């Protein structure tokens, strides 16, 4: 029997929004696959940037969706943010919480004092996603951060969050509003920073984990930064088009349509380069480029064609800090 993609790894570090669910509802087939992974003896730890809910609430939601897990199976950016604060300021320090009650609770658990107003003289600000956050709360953060000695921690900077009706503004848009007002950046605690992934791997007891996510700028960049293998799944934010154009730090090791692909062999991608020309083959699909033109032989709805295109295009642009967008020329495959 051919090796399954899952068989290459000893743990799965999975994102939630856009991978397991969109809003309150499960992505079709995701709970069944994740449950099967656990039943196969491979630990699954969920790594989320959503700081609006406690890990216990997240675990309960997952269990209700058919993915049995407990609070220890979830690592959140809220936890990472509170840990970062505890490393930077003394115990008992007042911290302005711009976010949910769940975020305030983990700040208190870290030995700090959560407050909600500048008049409480906070020496740090932590900002996390909360769908009920309004102008007054953002303004309070801006007033507090006018003091350059006040530490500012953002749990995450996701620009969008997948919901059942589509993409909605994420914590990054709210952080950007405060940053534009104060002309200063925050320290980011969650994805794409590497420590949150390393914490998840340690919790799984893993030496060879794979990071599973739908976002290049958080899941894939963070997994790569941690030195782990990465899989981009096409059920959330990023698409084959954005993956093809990805900057070097955000390129996944594997691209799959759904989580079911974890139980299938992953096709081999062969790459060759000579005299400035680069070509790749995946299955029956081929791609070649000189770094400017990209020609693809295959069907546009065939993921193997996109895998070949990525391999060839990335070989031509091995080190870029910004997306490089090609204009693919498609030819019918054999």
Protein backbone atom coordinates (compact mmCIF):
# COMPACT_ATOMS: atom_id res chain seq x y z
CA UNK A 1 0.00 0.00 0.00
CA UNK A 2 1.33 3.44 -0.93
CA UNK A 3 2.28 5.74 1.92
CA UNK A 4 -0.45 8.15 2.95
CA UNK A 5 0.45 11.82 3.37
CA UNK A 6 -0.42 11.52 7.07
CA UNK A 7 2.07 8.68 7.53
CA UNK A 8 4.99 11.09 7.09
CA UNK A 9 4.21 12.86 10.39
CA UNK A 10 3.73 12.02 14.05
CA UNK A 11 1.27 14.81 14.93
CA UNK A 12 -1.08 17.27 13.27
CA UNK A 13 -1.14 20.92 14.39
CA UNK A 14 -4.40 22.15 12.90
CA UNK A 15 -5.90 25.59 12.45
CA UNK A 16 -9.61 25.95 13.18
CA UNK A 17 -11.29 28.77 11.23
CA UNK A 18 -11.36 27.76 7.57
CA UNK A 19 -10.10 24.22 8.26
CA UNK A 20 -12.48 22.69 10.81
CA UNK A 21 -15.31 25.18 10.71
CA UNK A 22 -16.54 28.43 9.15
CA UNK A 23 -18.47 30.36 11.77
CA UNK A 24 -20.35 27.88 13.99
CA UNK A 25 -20.69 25.20 11.32
CA UNK A 26 -18.28 22.41 10.45
CA UNK A 27 -16.65 22.31 7.03
CA UNK A 28 -18.14 19.22 5.35
CA UNK A 29 -16.08 16.11 6.09
CA UNK A 30 -13.58 17.84 8.39
CA UNK A 31 -14.78 16.38 11.72
CA UNK A 32 -14.80 12.85 10.33
CA UNK A 33 -11.24 13.16 9.03
CA UNK A 34 -9.89 14.67 12.23
CA UNK A 35 -11.60 12.03 14.32
CA UNK A 36 -10.11 9.32 12.11
CA UNK A 37 -6.62 10.83 12.49
CA UNK A 38 -6.93 10.60 16.27
CA UNK A 39 -8.31 7.06 16.04
CA UNK A 40 -5.21 6.15 14.01
CA UNK A 41 -3.11 7.16 17.01
CA UNK A 42 -1.82 10.46 15.60
CA UNK A 43 -2.24 13.34 18.10
CA UNK A 44 -4.12 16.41 16.89
CA UNK A 45 -3.58 19.77 18.60
CA UNK A 46 -5.61 22.76 17.47
CA UNK A 47 -3.79 26.08 17.15
CA UNK A 48 -6.05 29.11 16.91
CA UNK A 49 -5.56 32.85 16.65
CA UNK A 50 -9.16 33.51 17.69
CA UNK A 51 -8.86 35.00 21.17
CA UNK A 52 -12.59 35.65 21.67
CA UNK A 53 -13.31 32.28 23.34
CA UNK A 54 -11.64 30.25 26.07
CA UNK A 55 -9.88 27.01 25.14
CA UNK A 56 -12.53 25.14 27.13
CA UNK A 57 -15.29 26.72 25.03
CA UNK A 58 -13.39 25.92 21.82
CA UNK A 59 -12.91 22.32 22.94
CA UNK A 60 -16.62 22.02 23.75
CA UNK A 61 -17.52 23.41 20.31
CA UNK A 62 -15.20 20.93 18.61
CA UNK A 63 -16.67 18.06 20.61
CA UNK A 64 -20.19 19.15 19.63
CA UNK A 65 -19.10 19.11 15.97
CA UNK A 66 -17.87 15.53 16.30
CA UNK A 67 -14.18 16.15 17.09
CA UNK A 68 -13.78 15.02 20.71
CA UNK A 69 -11.07 17.01 22.48
CA UNK A 70 -10.42 18.81 25.74
CA UNK A 71 -8.87 22.18 26.71
CA UNK A 72 -5.38 20.62 26.58
CA UNK A 73 -5.98 19.91 22.89
CA UNK A 74 -6.26 23.62 22.07
CA UNK A 75 -3.47 26.21 22.04
CA UNK A 76 -4.73 29.77 21.61
CA UNK A 77 -3.19 33.11 20.77
CA UNK A 78 -4.84 34.45 23.92
CA UNK A 79 -2.69 32.06 25.98
CA UNK A 80 0.40 33.03 23.98
CA UNK A 81 -0.34 36.71 24.52
CA UNK A 82 -0.80 36.31 28.28
CA UNK A 83 2.44 34.31 28.52
CA UNK A 84 4.29 37.02 26.59
CA UNK A 85 2.94 39.70 28.94
CA UNK A 86 3.99 37.69 31.98
CA UNK A 87 7.52 37.54 30.59
CA UNK A 88 7.68 41.29 29.97
CA UNK A 89 5.95 42.92 32.98
CA UNK A 90 5.94 42.13 36.74
CA UNK A 91 3.23 40.06 38.36
CA UNK A 92 0.30 42.19 39.50
CA UNK A 93 0.72 44.73 36.68
CA UNK A 94 -2.51 46.31 35.43
CA UNK A 95 -3.15 45.37 31.77
CA UNK A 96 -5.77 47.03 29.59
CA UNK A 97 -7.71 44.27 27.83
CA UNK A 98 -9.06 45.26 24.43
CA UNK A 99 -10.96 42.09 23.70
CA UNK A 100 -13.21 39.42 25.16
CA UNK A 101 -13.78 38.29 28.74
CA UNK A 102 -12.02 35.04 27.80
CA UNK A 103 -8.90 37.08 27.02
CA UNK A 104 -9.21 38.93 30.33
CA UNK A 105 -9.48 35.59 32.13
CA UNK A 106 -6.19 34.24 30.72
CA UNK A 107 -4.48 37.54 31.60
CA UNK A 108 -5.64 37.08 35.20
CA UNK A 109 -4.50 33.44 35.17
CA UNK A 110 -1.04 34.70 34.17
CA UNK A 111 -0.81 36.70 37.42
CA UNK A 112 -1.72 40.09 35.93
CA UNK A 113 -4.65 42.43 36.62
CA UNK A 114 -7.03 42.95 33.69
CA UNK A 115 -8.57 46.44 33.48
CA UNK A 116 -10.77 48.21 30.95
CA UNK A 117 -9.89 51.90 31.27
CA UNK A 118 -6.86 54.19 30.98
CA UNK A 119 -7.82 55.65 34.35
CA UNK A 120 -6.82 52.33 35.93
CA UNK A 121 -3.21 53.17 34.97
CA UNK A 122 -2.37 50.04 32.94
CA UNK A 123 1.27 49.51 31.99
CA UNK A 124 0.44 47.20 29.09
CA UNK A 125 -2.32 46.66 26.53
CA UNK A 126 -3.37 43.32 25.09
CA UNK A 127 -5.64 43.32 22.05
CA UNK A 128 -7.51 40.27 20.77
CA UNK A 129 -10.48 39.51 18.57
CA UNK A 130 -13.95 40.13 19.95
CA UNK A 131 -16.95 40.45 17.61
CA UNK A 132 -18.53 42.87 20.08
CA UNK A 133 -15.56 45.26 20.16
CA UNK A 134 -16.49 48.86 19.41
CA UNK A 135 -15.04 52.32 18.86
CA UNK A 136 -14.93 53.16 22.56
CA UNK A 137 -12.70 50.17 23.36
CA UNK A 138 -10.34 50.91 20.48
CA UNK A 139 -10.16 54.55 21.56
CA UNK A 140 -9.32 53.51 25.14
CA UNK A 141 -6.43 51.46 23.79
CA UNK A 142 -5.20 54.38 21.70
CA UNK A 143 -5.34 56.77 24.66
CA UNK A 144 -3.34 54.31 26.79
CA UNK A 145 -0.78 53.63 24.07
CA UNK A 146 -0.02 57.33 23.69
CA UNK A 147 2.48 56.62 26.46
CA UNK A 148 5.43 55.02 24.60
CA UNK A 149 6.44 53.09 27.72
CA UNK A 150 3.21 51.08 27.72
CA UNK A 151 3.73 47.62 26.21
CA UNK A 152 1.30 46.66 23.42
CA UNK A 153 0.66 42.98 22.66
CA UNK A 154 -1.65 41.79 19.89
CA UNK A 155 -2.80 38.19 20.11
CA UNK A 156 -2.77 38.03 16.30
CA UNK A 157 -3.05 40.16 13.17
CA UNK A 158 -5.30 38.06 10.89
CA UNK A 159 -6.84 40.52 8.45
CA UNK A 160 -9.92 38.33 7.88
CA UNK A 161 -11.85 35.55 9.60
CA UNK A 162 -13.91 32.96 7.69
CA UNK A 163 -17.60 32.95 8.56
CA UNK A 164 -20.54 30.95 7.21
CA UNK A 165 -21.51 33.87 4.92
CA UNK A 166 -17.97 34.62 3.73
CA UNK A 167 -14.90 36.51 4.94
CA UNK A 168 -15.31 39.07 7.73
CA UNK A 169 -12.81 41.56 9.24
CA UNK A 170 -10.41 39.88 11.64
CA UNK A 171 -8.37 41.11 14.58
CA UNK A 172 -5.73 42.50 12.24
CA UNK A 173 -8.12 45.15 10.92
CA UNK A 174 -8.85 46.32 14.46
CA UNK A 175 -5.18 46.26 15.42
CA UNK A 176 -4.45 48.29 12.28
CA UNK A 177 -6.93 50.95 13.40
CA UNK A 178 -5.11 51.38 16.71
CA UNK A 179 -1.72 51.27 14.99
CA UNK A 180 -2.77 53.99 12.55
CA UNK A 181 -3.89 56.16 15.45
CA UNK A 182 -0.83 55.64 17.63
CA UNK A 183 1.83 55.32 14.90
CA UNK A 184 3.34 52.30 16.65
CA UNK A 185 3.28 48.54 16.01
CA UNK A 186 2.33 45.86 18.53
CA UNK A 187 4.30 42.81 19.60
CA UNK A 188 2.45 39.84 18.06
CA UNK A 189 2.03 36.73 20.22
CA UNK A 190 0.15 34.23 18.04
CA UNK A 191 0.47 33.03 14.49
CA UNK A 192 2.59 33.61 12.42
CA UNK A 193 5.12 33.71 15.26
CA UNK A 194 6.85 30.36 15.78
CA UNK A 195 6.49 29.91 19.59
CA UNK A 196 2.77 29.07 19.49
CA UNK A 197 3.49 26.20 17.08
CA UNK A 198 6.38 24.93 19.17
CA UNK A 199 4.15 24.96 22.24
CA UNK A 200 1.58 22.90 20.33
CA UNK A 201 4.23 20.40 19.19
CA UNK A 202 5.51 20.00 22.75
CA UNK A 203 1.97 19.40 23.97
CA UNK A 204 1.58 16.66 21.34
CA UNK A 205 4.95 15.13 22.26
CA UNK A 206 5.89 15.46 18.61
CA UNK A 207 9.26 15.47 16.90
CA UNK A 208 7.86 15.46 13.37
CA UNK A 209 4.61 17.47 13.24
CA UNK A 210 2.82 18.95 10.27
CA UNK A 211 0.99 22.28 10.38
CA UNK A 212 -2.38 22.28 8.67
CA UNK A 213 -3.98 25.60 7.71
CA UNK A 214 -5.95 27.62 5.18
CA UNK A 215 -3.97 30.87 5.50
CA UNK A 216 -0.54 31.52 4.08
CA UNK A 217 0.21 34.62 6.18
CA UNK A 218 -0.44 32.95 9.55
CA UNK A 219 -0.60 29.14 9.41
CA UNK A 220 1.94 28.45 6.67
CA UNK A 221 4.34 31.29 7.49
CA UNK A 222 4.28 30.35 11.17
CA UNK A 223 4.71 26.63 10.56
CA UNK A 224 7.61 27.30 8.23
CA UNK A 225 9.19 29.65 10.78
CA UNK A 226 8.96 26.91 13.41
CA UNK A 227 10.78 24.53 11.07
CA UNK A 228 7.79 22.22 10.61
CA UNK A 229 6.23 20.77 7.46
CA UNK A 230 3.16 22.65 6.25
CA UNK A 231 -0.03 21.76 4.36
CA UNK A 232 -2.31 24.36 2.80
CA UNK A 233 -5.93 23.21 2.54
CA UNK A 234 -8.27 24.96 0.10
CA UNK A 235 -11.34 25.21 2.33
CA UNK A 236 -10.78 28.69 3.74
CA UNK A 237 -9.01 31.92 2.84
CA UNK A 238 -6.21 31.18 0.37
CA UNK A 239 -6.63 29.72 -3.12
CA UNK A 240 -4.45 28.04 -5.73
CA UNK A 241 -3.89 31.49 -7.25
CA UNK A 242 -2.58 33.09 -4.05
CA UNK A 243 -0.53 30.00 -3.24
CA UNK A 244 1.12 30.09 -6.67
CA UNK A 245 2.09 33.75 -6.14
CA UNK A 246 3.20 33.29 -2.51
CA UNK A 247 6.38 34.84 -1.16
CA UNK A 248 9.09 32.43 -0.07
CA UNK A 249 8.20 32.41 3.64
CA UNK A 250 4.57 31.49 2.92
CA UNK A 251 5.01 28.54 0.54
CA UNK A 252 3.53 25.26 1.83
CA UNK A 253 5.17 21.88 1.42
CA UNK A 254 1.87 20.39 0.26
CA UNK A 255 -1.40 21.69 -1.20
CA UNK A 256 -4.63 19.71 -0.73
CA UNK A 257 -8.23 20.36 -1.65
CA UNK A 258 -9.75 18.88 1.51
CA UNK A 259 -8.59 17.06 4.62
CA UNK A 260 -9.47 13.72 3.01
CA UNK A 261 -6.17 14.02 1.09
CA UNK A 262 -4.31 13.23 4.33
CA UNK A 263 -5.39 9.62 3.88
CA UNK A 264 -4.19 9.44 0.27
CA UNK A 265 -0.69 9.23 -1.23
CA UNK A 266 0.65 12.67 -2.10
CA UNK A 267 1.76 12.87 -5.75
CA UNK A 268 5.46 13.28 -6.40
CA UNK A 269 6.51 16.57 -7.99
CA UNK A 270 9.63 16.41 -10.16
CA UNK A 271 11.51 19.66 -10.80
CA UNK A 272 14.38 20.35 -13.18
CA UNK A 273 16.28 23.54 -13.96
CA UNK A 274 18.75 24.41 -16.71
CA UNK A 275 20.05 27.67 -18.16
CA UNK A 276 17.40 29.83 -16.51
CA UNK A 277 14.53 27.55 -17.48
CA UNK A 278 12.56 25.61 -14.89
CA UNK A 279 10.08 22.80 -15.39
CA UNK A 280 8.01 20.55 -13.15
CA UNK A 281 5.81 17.51 -13.55
CA UNK A 282 3.09 16.24 -11.23
CA UNK A 283 1.09 13.27 -12.42
CA UNK A 284 0.12 13.94 -16.03
CA UNK A 285 0.47 17.72 -15.64
CA UNK A 286 3.53 19.78 -16.58
CA UNK A 287 4.63 23.38 -16.11
CA UNK A 288 7.60 25.35 -17.37
CA UNK A 289 8.80 28.90 -16.95
CA UNK A 290 11.69 31.24 -17.68
CA UNK A 291 10.74 33.33 -14.66
CA UNK A 292 8.43 35.57 -16.67
CA UNK A 293 6.10 33.38 -18.69
CA UNK A 294 4.46 30.37 -17.07
CA UNK A 295 3.06 27.67 -19.32
CA UNK A 296 0.96 24.87 -17.83
CA UNK A 297 -0.16 21.71 -19.60
CA UNK A 298 -3.15 20.27 -17.80
CA UNK A 299 -6.68 21.05 -16.72
CA UNK A 300 -7.32 24.15 -14.62
CA UNK A 301 -9.47 22.12 -12.22
CA UNK A 302 -6.69 19.54 -11.71
CA UNK A 303 -4.76 20.20 -8.50
CA UNK A 304 -1.74 18.35 -9.92
CA UNK A 305 -1.46 21.08 -12.57
CA UNK A 306 -1.31 23.74 -9.88
CA UNK A 307 1.23 21.71 -7.90
CA UNK A 308 3.46 21.53 -10.98
CA UNK A 309 2.95 25.24 -11.63
CA UNK A 310 3.92 26.13 -8.07
CA UNK A 311 7.05 23.98 -8.20
CA UNK A 312 8.27 25.51 -11.47
CA UNK A 313 7.37 29.09 -10.57
CA UNK A 314 8.93 28.86 -7.12
CA UNK A 315 12.12 27.39 -8.60
CA UNK A 316 12.33 30.49 -10.79
CA UNK A 317 11.68 32.80 -7.82
CA UNK A 318 13.38 31.05 -4.89
CA UNK A 319 13.87 34.05 -2.63
CA UNK A 320 11.23 36.78 -2.65
CA UNK A 321 9.76 38.78 0.21
CA UNK A 322 6.66 39.78 -1.73
CA UNK A 323 4.14 37.82 -3.82
CA UNK A 324 5.13 37.36 -7.46
CA UNK A 325 1.99 36.99 -9.54
CA UNK A 326 2.28 35.13 -12.86
CA UNK A 327 -0.17 35.15 -15.74
CA UNK A 328 -0.40 31.43 -16.52
CA UNK A 329 -0.80 30.23 -20.10
CA UNK A 330 -2.85 27.04 -20.15
CA UNK A 331 -2.55 24.24 -22.67
CA UNK A 332 -4.75 21.16 -22.76
CA UNK A 333 -3.02 18.14 -21.29
CA UNK A 334 -2.64 14.84 -23.02
